Amino acid sequence: MPEPGSNRGYKAWHYIEPILLMLIGGGRHIEELREIIEVAGKVVKHARKLCMKIYYKKIRLRHAELSG
């Protein structure tokens, strides 16, 4: 992480917002936030894989159209 004041790090709100939302939503422990972040990471990873499959399928279809 960059040194404080370097204007290259995360804004304070990016740290505070998820914690506040968790507390407002009834969360009581930081571990709950870690679990949410972990699950969100898995969802993003799955979504990327799905998007790549769709992208490559479109490329194959386009190639087939151009070839024949």
PDB file of N, CA and C in Angstrom:
ATOM      1  N   MET A   1       0.852  -1.181   0.000  1.00  0.00           N
ATOM      2  CA  MET A   1       0.000   0.000   0.000  1.00  0.00           C
ATOM      3  C   MET A   1       0.892   1.237   0.000  1.00  0.00           C
ATOM      4  N   PRO A   2       0.560   2.216  -0.799  1.00  0.00           N
ATOM      5  CA  PRO A   2       1.343   3.450  -0.829  1.00  0.00           C
ATOM      6  C   PRO A   2       1.325   4.177   0.516  1.00  0.00           C
ATOM      7  N   GLU A   3       2.312   4.995   0.713  1.00  0.00           N
ATOM      8  CA  GLU A   3       2.413   5.781   1.943  1.00  0.00           C
ATOM      9  C   GLU A   3       1.230   6.739   2.069  1.00  0.00           C
ATOM     10  N   PRO A   4       0.802   7.036   3.296  1.00  0.00           N
ATOM     11  CA  PRO A   4      -0.278   8.011   3.474  1.00  0.00           C
ATOM     12  C   PRO A   4       0.093   9.349   2.832  1.00  0.00           C
ATOM     13  N   GLY A   5      -0.863   9.953   2.187  1.00  0.00           N
ATOM     14  CA  GLY A   5      -0.632  11.245   1.564  1.00  0.00           C
ATOM     15  C   GLY A   5      -0.078  11.153   0.155  1.00  0.00           C
ATOM     16  N   SER A   6       0.188   9.942  -0.331  1.00  0.00           N
ATOM     17  CA  SER A   6       0.763   9.805  -1.670  1.00  0.00           C
ATOM     18  C   SER A   6      -0.297   9.931  -2.761  1.00  0.00           C
ATOM     19  N   ASN A   7      -1.561   9.938  -2.361  1.00  0.00           N
ATOM     20  CA  ASN A   7      -2.687  10.057  -3.289  1.00  0.00           C
ATOM     21  C   ASN A   7      -2.766   8.877  -4.256  1.00  0.00           C
ATOM     22  N   ARG A   8      -2.221   7.715  -3.853  1.00  0.00           N
ATOM     23  CA  ARG A   8      -2.281   6.535  -4.714  1.00  0.00           C
ATOM     24  C   ARG A   8      -2.983   5.363  -4.059  1.00  0.00           C
ATOM     25  N   GLY A   9      -3.317   5.477  -2.810  1.00  0.00           N
ATOM     26  CA  GLY A   9      -3.959   4.373  -2.099  1.00  0.00           C
ATOM     27  C   GLY A   9      -5.471   4.423  -2.258  1.00  0.00           C
ATOM     28  N   TYR A  10      -6.140   3.572  -1.499  1.00  0.00           N
ATOM     29  CA  TYR A  10      -7.595   3.566  -1.499  1.00  0.00           C
ATOM     30  C   TYR A  10      -8.112   4.736  -0.685  1.00  0.00           C
ATOM     31  N   LYS A  11      -9.224   5.251  -1.070  1.00  0.00           N
ATOM     32  CA  LYS A  11      -9.888   6.286  -0.277  1.00  0.00           C
ATOM     33  C   LYS A  11     -10.437   5.624   0.990  1.00  0.00           C
ATOM     34  N   ALA A  12     -10.523   6.376   2.055  1.00  0.00           N
ATOM     35  CA  ALA A  12     -10.997   5.832   3.328  1.00  0.00           C
ATOM     36  C   ALA A  12     -12.393   5.234   3.190  1.00  0.00           C
ATOM     37  N   TRP A  13     -13.225   5.841   2.358  1.00  0.00           N
ATOM     38  CA  TRP A  13     -14.594   5.361   2.202  1.00  0.00           C
ATOM     39  C   TRP A  13     -14.624   3.935   1.671  1.00  0.00           C
ATOM     40  N   HIS A  14     -13.662   3.528   0.852  1.00  0.00           N
ATOM     41  CA  HIS A  14     -13.632   2.175   0.312  1.00  0.00           C
ATOM     42  C   HIS A  14     -13.399   1.131   1.404  1.00  0.00           C
ATOM     43  N   TYR A  15     -12.796   1.537   2.496  1.00  0.00           N
ATOM     44  CA  TYR A  15     -12.630   0.635   3.638  1.00  0.00           C
ATOM     45  C   TYR A  15     -13.862   0.647   4.537  1.00  0.00           C
ATOM     46  N   ILE A  16     -14.407   1.824   4.734  1.00  0.00           N
ATOM     47  CA  ILE A  16     -15.489   2.005   5.698  1.00  0.00           C
ATOM     48  C   ILE A  16     -16.841   1.541   5.164  1.00  0.00           C
ATOM     49  N   GLU A  17     -17.127   1.797   3.895  1.00  0.00           N
ATOM     50  CA  GLU A  17     -18.449   1.503   3.333  1.00  0.00           C
ATOM     51  C   GLU A  17     -18.885   0.052   3.537  1.00  0.00           C
ATOM     52  N   PRO A  18     -18.071  -0.971   3.170  1.00  0.00           N
ATOM     53  CA  PRO A  18     -18.549  -2.343   3.362  1.00  0.00           C
ATOM     54  C   PRO A  18     -18.792  -2.687   4.832  1.00  0.00           C
ATOM     55  N   ILE A  19     -17.985  -2.135   5.713  1.00  0.00           N
ATOM     56  CA  ILE A  19     -18.171  -2.401   7.141  1.00  0.00           C
ATOM     57  C   ILE A  19     -19.480  -1.785   7.624  1.00  0.00           C
ATOM     58  N   LEU A  20     -19.749  -0.546   7.215  1.00  0.00           N
ATOM     59  CA  LEU A  20     -21.001   0.103   7.608  1.00  0.00           C
ATOM     60  C   LEU A  20     -22.210  -0.644   7.055  1.00  0.00           C
ATOM     61  N   LEU A  21     -22.140  -1.052   5.778  1.00  0.00           N
ATOM     62  CA  LEU A  21     -23.260  -1.785   5.190  1.00  0.00           C
ATOM     63  C   LEU A  21     -23.501  -3.102   5.923  1.00  0.00           C
ATOM     64  N   MET A  22     -22.411  -3.768   6.314  1.00  0.00           N
ATOM     65  CA  MET A  22     -22.544  -5.020   7.047  1.00  0.00           C
ATOM     66  C   MET A  22     -23.227  -4.776   8.396  1.00  0.00           C
ATOM     67  N   LEU A  23     -22.788  -3.736   9.094  1.00  0.00           N
ATOM     68  CA  LEU A  23     -23.364  -3.436  10.408  1.00  0.00           C
ATOM     69  C   LEU A  23     -24.825  -3.019  10.286  1.00  0.00           C
ATOM     70  N   ILE A  24     -25.140  -2.215   9.287  1.00  0.00           N
ATOM     71  CA  ILE A  24     -26.527  -1.799   9.066  1.00  0.00           C
ATOM     72  C   ILE A  24     -27.402  -3.000   8.742  1.00  0.00           C
ATOM     73  N   GLY A  25     -26.835  -3.954   8.001  1.00  0.00           N
ATOM     74  CA  GLY A  25     -27.577  -5.147   7.617  1.00  0.00           C
ATOM     75  C   GLY A  25     -27.705  -6.179   8.717  1.00  0.00           C
ATOM     76  N   GLY A  26     -27.170  -5.905   9.883  1.00  0.00           N
ATOM     77  CA  GLY A  26     -27.311  -6.820  11.006  1.00  0.00           C
ATOM     78  C   GLY A  26     -26.071  -7.624  11.321  1.00  0.00           C
ATOM     79  N   GLY A  27     -24.991  -7.411  10.557  1.00  0.00           N
ATOM     80  CA  GLY A  27     -23.744  -8.125  10.824  1.00  0.00           C
ATOM     81  C   GLY A  27     -23.121  -7.678  12.139  1.00  0.00           C
ATOM     82  N   ARG A  28     -22.395  -8.575  12.765  1.00  0.00           N
ATOM     83  CA  ARG A  28     -21.781  -8.241  14.059  1.00  0.00           C
ATOM     84  C   ARG A  28     -20.279  -8.475  14.097  1.00  0.00           C
ATOM     85  N   HIS A  29     -19.744  -9.208  13.114  1.00  0.00           N
ATOM     86  CA  HIS A  29     -18.329  -9.576  13.176  1.00  0.00           C
ATOM     87  C   HIS A  29     -17.652  -9.308  11.832  1.00  0.00           C
ATOM     88  N   ILE A  30     -16.408  -8.890  11.892  1.00  0.00           N
ATOM     89  CA  ILE A  30     -15.631  -8.643  10.686  1.00  0.00           C
ATOM     90  C   ILE A  30     -15.520  -9.927   9.861  1.00  0.00           C
ATOM     91  N   GLU A  31     -15.504 -11.072  10.498  1.00  0.00           N
ATOM     92  CA  GLU A  31     -15.403 -12.346   9.781  1.00  0.00           C
ATOM     93  C   GLU A  31     -16.558 -12.505   8.793  1.00  0.00           C
ATOM     94  N   GLU A  32     -17.721 -11.989   9.121  1.00  0.00           N
ATOM     95  CA  GLU A  32     -18.852 -12.046   8.195  1.00  0.00           C
ATOM     96  C   GLU A  32     -18.523 -11.286   6.916  1.00  0.00           C
ATOM     97  N   LEU A  33     -17.874 -10.162   7.044  1.00  0.00           N
ATOM     98  CA  LEU A  33     -17.483  -9.364   5.888  1.00  0.00           C
ATOM     99  C   LEU A  33     -16.470 -10.128   5.045  1.00  0.00           C
ATOM    100  N   ARG A  34     -15.534 -10.794   5.695  1.00  0.00           N
ATOM    101  CA  ARG A  34     -14.543 -11.592   4.959  1.00  0.00           C
ATOM    102  C   ARG A  34     -15.221 -12.703   4.166  1.00  0.00           C
ATOM    103  N   GLU A  35     -16.220 -13.336   4.747  1.00  0.00           N
ATOM    104  CA  GLU A  35     -16.947 -14.395   4.053  1.00  0.00           C
ATOM    105  C   GLU A  35     -17.683 -13.835   2.840  1.00  0.00           C
ATOM    106  N   ILE A  36     -18.286 -12.667   2.992  1.00  0.00           N
ATOM    107  CA  ILE A  36     -19.004 -12.035   1.878  1.00  0.00           C
ATOM    108  C   ILE A  36     -18.026 -11.716   0.754  1.00  0.00           C
ATOM    109  N   ILE A  37     -16.873 -11.182   1.092  1.00  0.00           N
ATOM    110  CA  ILE A  37     -15.867 -10.844   0.080  1.00  0.00           C
ATOM    111  C   ILE A  37     -15.385 -12.103  -0.625  1.00  0.00           C
ATOM    112  N   GLU A  38     -15.197 -13.177   0.127  1.00  0.00           N
ATOM    113  CA  GLU A  38     -14.751 -14.438  -0.460  1.00  0.00           C
ATOM    114  C   GLU A  38     -15.783 -14.966  -1.457  1.00  0.00           C
ATOM    115  N   VAL A  39     -17.047 -14.951  -1.074  1.00  0.00           N
ATOM    116  CA  VAL A  39     -18.108 -15.428  -1.961  1.00  0.00           C
ATOM    117  C   VAL A  39     -18.206 -14.526  -3.194  1.00  0.00           C
ATOM    118  N   ALA A  40     -18.109 -13.226  -3.000  1.00  0.00           N
ATOM    119  CA  ALA A  40     -18.177 -12.295  -4.129  1.00  0.00           C
ATOM    120  C   ALA A  40     -17.036 -12.559  -5.105  1.00  0.00           C
ATOM    121  N   GLY A  41     -15.864 -12.864  -4.595  1.00  0.00           N
ATOM    122  CA  GLY A  41     -14.727 -13.190  -5.452  1.00  0.00           C
ATOM    123  C   GLY A  41     -14.991 -14.422  -6.294  1.00  0.00           C
ATOM    124  N   LYS A  42     -15.612 -15.429  -5.688  1.00  0.00           N
ATOM    125  CA  LYS A  42     -15.943 -16.649  -6.428  1.00  0.00           C
ATOM    126  C   LYS A  42     -16.977 -16.369  -7.510  1.00  0.00           C
ATOM    127  N   VAL A  43     -17.942 -15.522  -7.214  1.00  0.00           N
ATOM    128  CA  VAL A  43     -18.970 -15.164  -8.197  1.00  0.00           C
ATOM    129  C   VAL A  43     -18.326 -14.435  -9.379  1.00  0.00           C
ATOM    130  N   VAL A  44     -17.432 -13.509  -9.085  1.00  0.00           N
ATOM    131  CA  VAL A  44     -16.761 -12.760 -10.151  1.00  0.00           C
ATOM    132  C   VAL A  44     -15.927 -13.706 -11.017  1.00  0.00           C
ATOM    133  N   LYS A  45     -15.214 -14.619 -10.381  1.00  0.00           N
ATOM    134  CA  LYS A  45     -14.393 -15.575 -11.120  1.00  0.00           C
ATOM    135  C   LYS A  45     -15.265 -16.422 -12.049  1.00  0.00           C
ATOM    136  N   HIS A  46     -16.396 -16.895 -11.552  1.00  0.00           N
ATOM    137  CA  HIS A  46     -17.311 -17.699 -12.352  1.00  0.00           C
ATOM    138  C   HIS A  46     -17.881 -16.868 -13.508  1.00  0.00           C
ATOM    139  N   ALA A  47     -18.232 -15.627 -13.233  1.00  0.00           N
ATOM    140  CA  ALA A  47     -18.790 -14.750 -14.268  1.00  0.00           C
ATOM    141  C   ALA A  47     -17.770 -14.505 -15.376  1.00  0.00           C
ATOM    142  N   ARG A  48     -16.505 -14.325 -15.011  1.00  0.00           N
ATOM    143  CA  ARG A  48     -15.459 -14.126 -16.016  1.00  0.00           C
ATOM    144  C   ARG A  48     -15.331 -15.344 -16.915  1.00  0.00           C
ATOM    145  N   LYS A  49     -15.349 -16.534 -16.309  1.00  0.00           N
ATOM    146  CA  LYS A  49     -15.252 -17.762 -17.094  1.00  0.00           C
ATOM    147  C   LYS A  49     -16.427 -17.867 -18.063  1.00  0.00           C
ATOM    148  N   LEU A  50     -17.610 -17.560 -17.570  1.00  0.00           N
ATOM    149  CA  LEU A  50     -18.800 -17.625 -18.403  1.00  0.00           C
ATOM    150  C   LEU A  50     -18.716 -16.627 -19.555  1.00  0.00           C
ATOM    151  N   CYS A  51     -18.269 -15.420 -19.286  1.00  0.00           N
ATOM    152  CA  CYS A  51     -18.123 -14.408 -20.332  1.00  0.00           C
ATOM    153  C   CYS A  51     -17.113 -14.844 -21.382  1.00  0.00           C
ATOM    154  N   MET A  52     -16.016 -15.455 -20.959  1.00  0.00           N
ATOM    155  CA  MET A  52     -15.013 -15.927 -21.914  1.00  0.00           C
ATOM    156  C   MET A  52     -15.575 -17.041 -22.787  1.00  0.00           C
ATOM    157  N   LYS A  53     -16.355 -17.942 -22.210  1.00  0.00           N
ATOM    158  CA  LYS A  53     -16.975 -19.004 -23.010  1.00  0.00           C
ATOM    159  C   LYS A  53     -17.894 -18.411 -24.072  1.00  0.00           C
ATOM    160  N   ILE A  54     -18.696 -17.436 -23.681  1.00  0.00           N
ATOM    161  CA  ILE A  54     -19.615 -16.797 -24.628  1.00  0.00           C
ATOM    162  C   ILE A  54     -18.827 -16.075 -25.716  1.00  0.00           C
ATOM    163  N   TYR A  55     -17.777 -15.378 -25.311  1.00  0.00           N
ATOM    164  CA  TYR A  55     -16.947 -14.640 -26.258  1.00  0.00           C
ATOM    165  C   TYR A  55     -16.334 -15.580 -27.288  1.00  0.00           C
ATOM    166  N   TYR A  56     -15.729 -16.675 -26.825  1.00  0.00           N
ATOM    167  CA  TYR A  56     -15.092 -17.610 -27.753  1.00  0.00           C
ATOM    168  C   TYR A  56     -16.115 -18.318 -28.633  1.00  0.00           C
ATOM    169  N   LYS A  57     -17.301 -18.568 -28.116  1.00  0.00           N
ATOM    170  CA  LYS A  57     -18.352 -19.176 -28.922  1.00  0.00           C
ATOM    171  C   LYS A  57     -18.754 -18.226 -30.056  1.00  0.00           C
ATOM    172  N   LYS A  58     -18.869 -16.928 -29.743  1.00  0.00           N
ATOM    173  CA  LYS A  58     -19.196 -15.946 -30.774  1.00  0.00           C
ATOM    174  C   LYS A  58     -18.096 -15.877 -31.826  1.00  0.00           C
ATOM    175  N   ILE A  59     -16.847 -15.959 -31.398  1.00  0.00           N
ATOM    176  CA  ILE A  59     -15.727 -15.933 -32.344  1.00  0.00           C
ATOM    177  C   ILE A  59     -15.801 -17.151 -33.269  1.00  0.00           C
ATOM    178  N   ARG A  60     -16.052 -18.329 -32.714  1.00  0.00           N
ATOM    179  CA  ARG A  60     -16.146 -19.546 -33.527  1.00  0.00           C
ATOM    180  C   ARG A  60     -17.298 -19.438 -34.525  1.00  0.00           C
ATOM    181  N   LEU A  61     -18.430 -18.922 -34.086  1.00  0.00           N
ATOM    182  CA  LEU A  61     -19.579 -18.760 -34.984  1.00  0.00           C
ATOM    183  C   LEU A  61     -19.252 -17.771 -36.111  1.00  0.00           C
ATOM    184  N   ARG A  62     -18.616 -16.686 -35.757  1.00  0.00           N
ATOM    185  CA  ARG A  62     -18.242 -15.672 -36.759  1.00  0.00           C
ATOM    186  C   ARG A  62     -17.249 -16.256 -37.757  1.00  0.00           C
ATOM    187  N   HIS A  63     -16.290 -17.017 -37.244  1.00  0.00           N
ATOM    188  CA  HIS A  63     -15.294 -17.656 -38.111  1.00  0.00           C
ATOM    189  C   HIS A  63     -15.968 -18.647 -39.068  1.00  0.00           C
ATOM    190  N   ALA A  64     -16.935 -19.395 -38.553  1.00  0.00           N
ATOM    191  CA  ALA A  64     -17.673 -20.359 -39.391  1.00  0.00           C
ATOM    192  C   ALA A  64     -18.463 -19.630 -40.478  1.00  0.00           C
ATOM    193  N   GLU A  65     -19.044 -18.484 -40.146  1.00  0.00           N
ATOM    194  CA  GLU A  65     -19.795 -17.703 -41.127  1.00  0.00           C
ATOM    195  C   GLU A  65     -18.875 -17.209 -42.245  1.00  0.00           C
ATOM    196  N   LEU A  66     -17.688 -16.757 -41.857  1.00  0.00           N
ATOM    197  CA  LEU A  66     -16.742 -16.215 -42.837  1.00  0.00           C
ATOM    198  C   LEU A  66     -16.111 -17.324 -43.689  1.00  0.00           C
ATOM    199  N   SER A  67     -15.953 -18.512 -43.095  1.00  0.00           N
ATOM    200  CA  SER A  67     -15.320 -19.628 -43.807  1.00  0.00           C
ATOM    201  C   SER A  67     -16.257 -20.307 -44.776  1.00  0.00           C
ATOM    202  N   GLY A  68     -17.488 -20.310 -44.484  1.00  0.00           N
ATOM    203  CA  GLY A  68     -18.358 -21.100 -45.365  1.00  0.00           C
ATOM    204  C   GLY A  68     -19.688 -20.565 -45.466  1.00  0.00           C
TER     205      GLY A  68
END
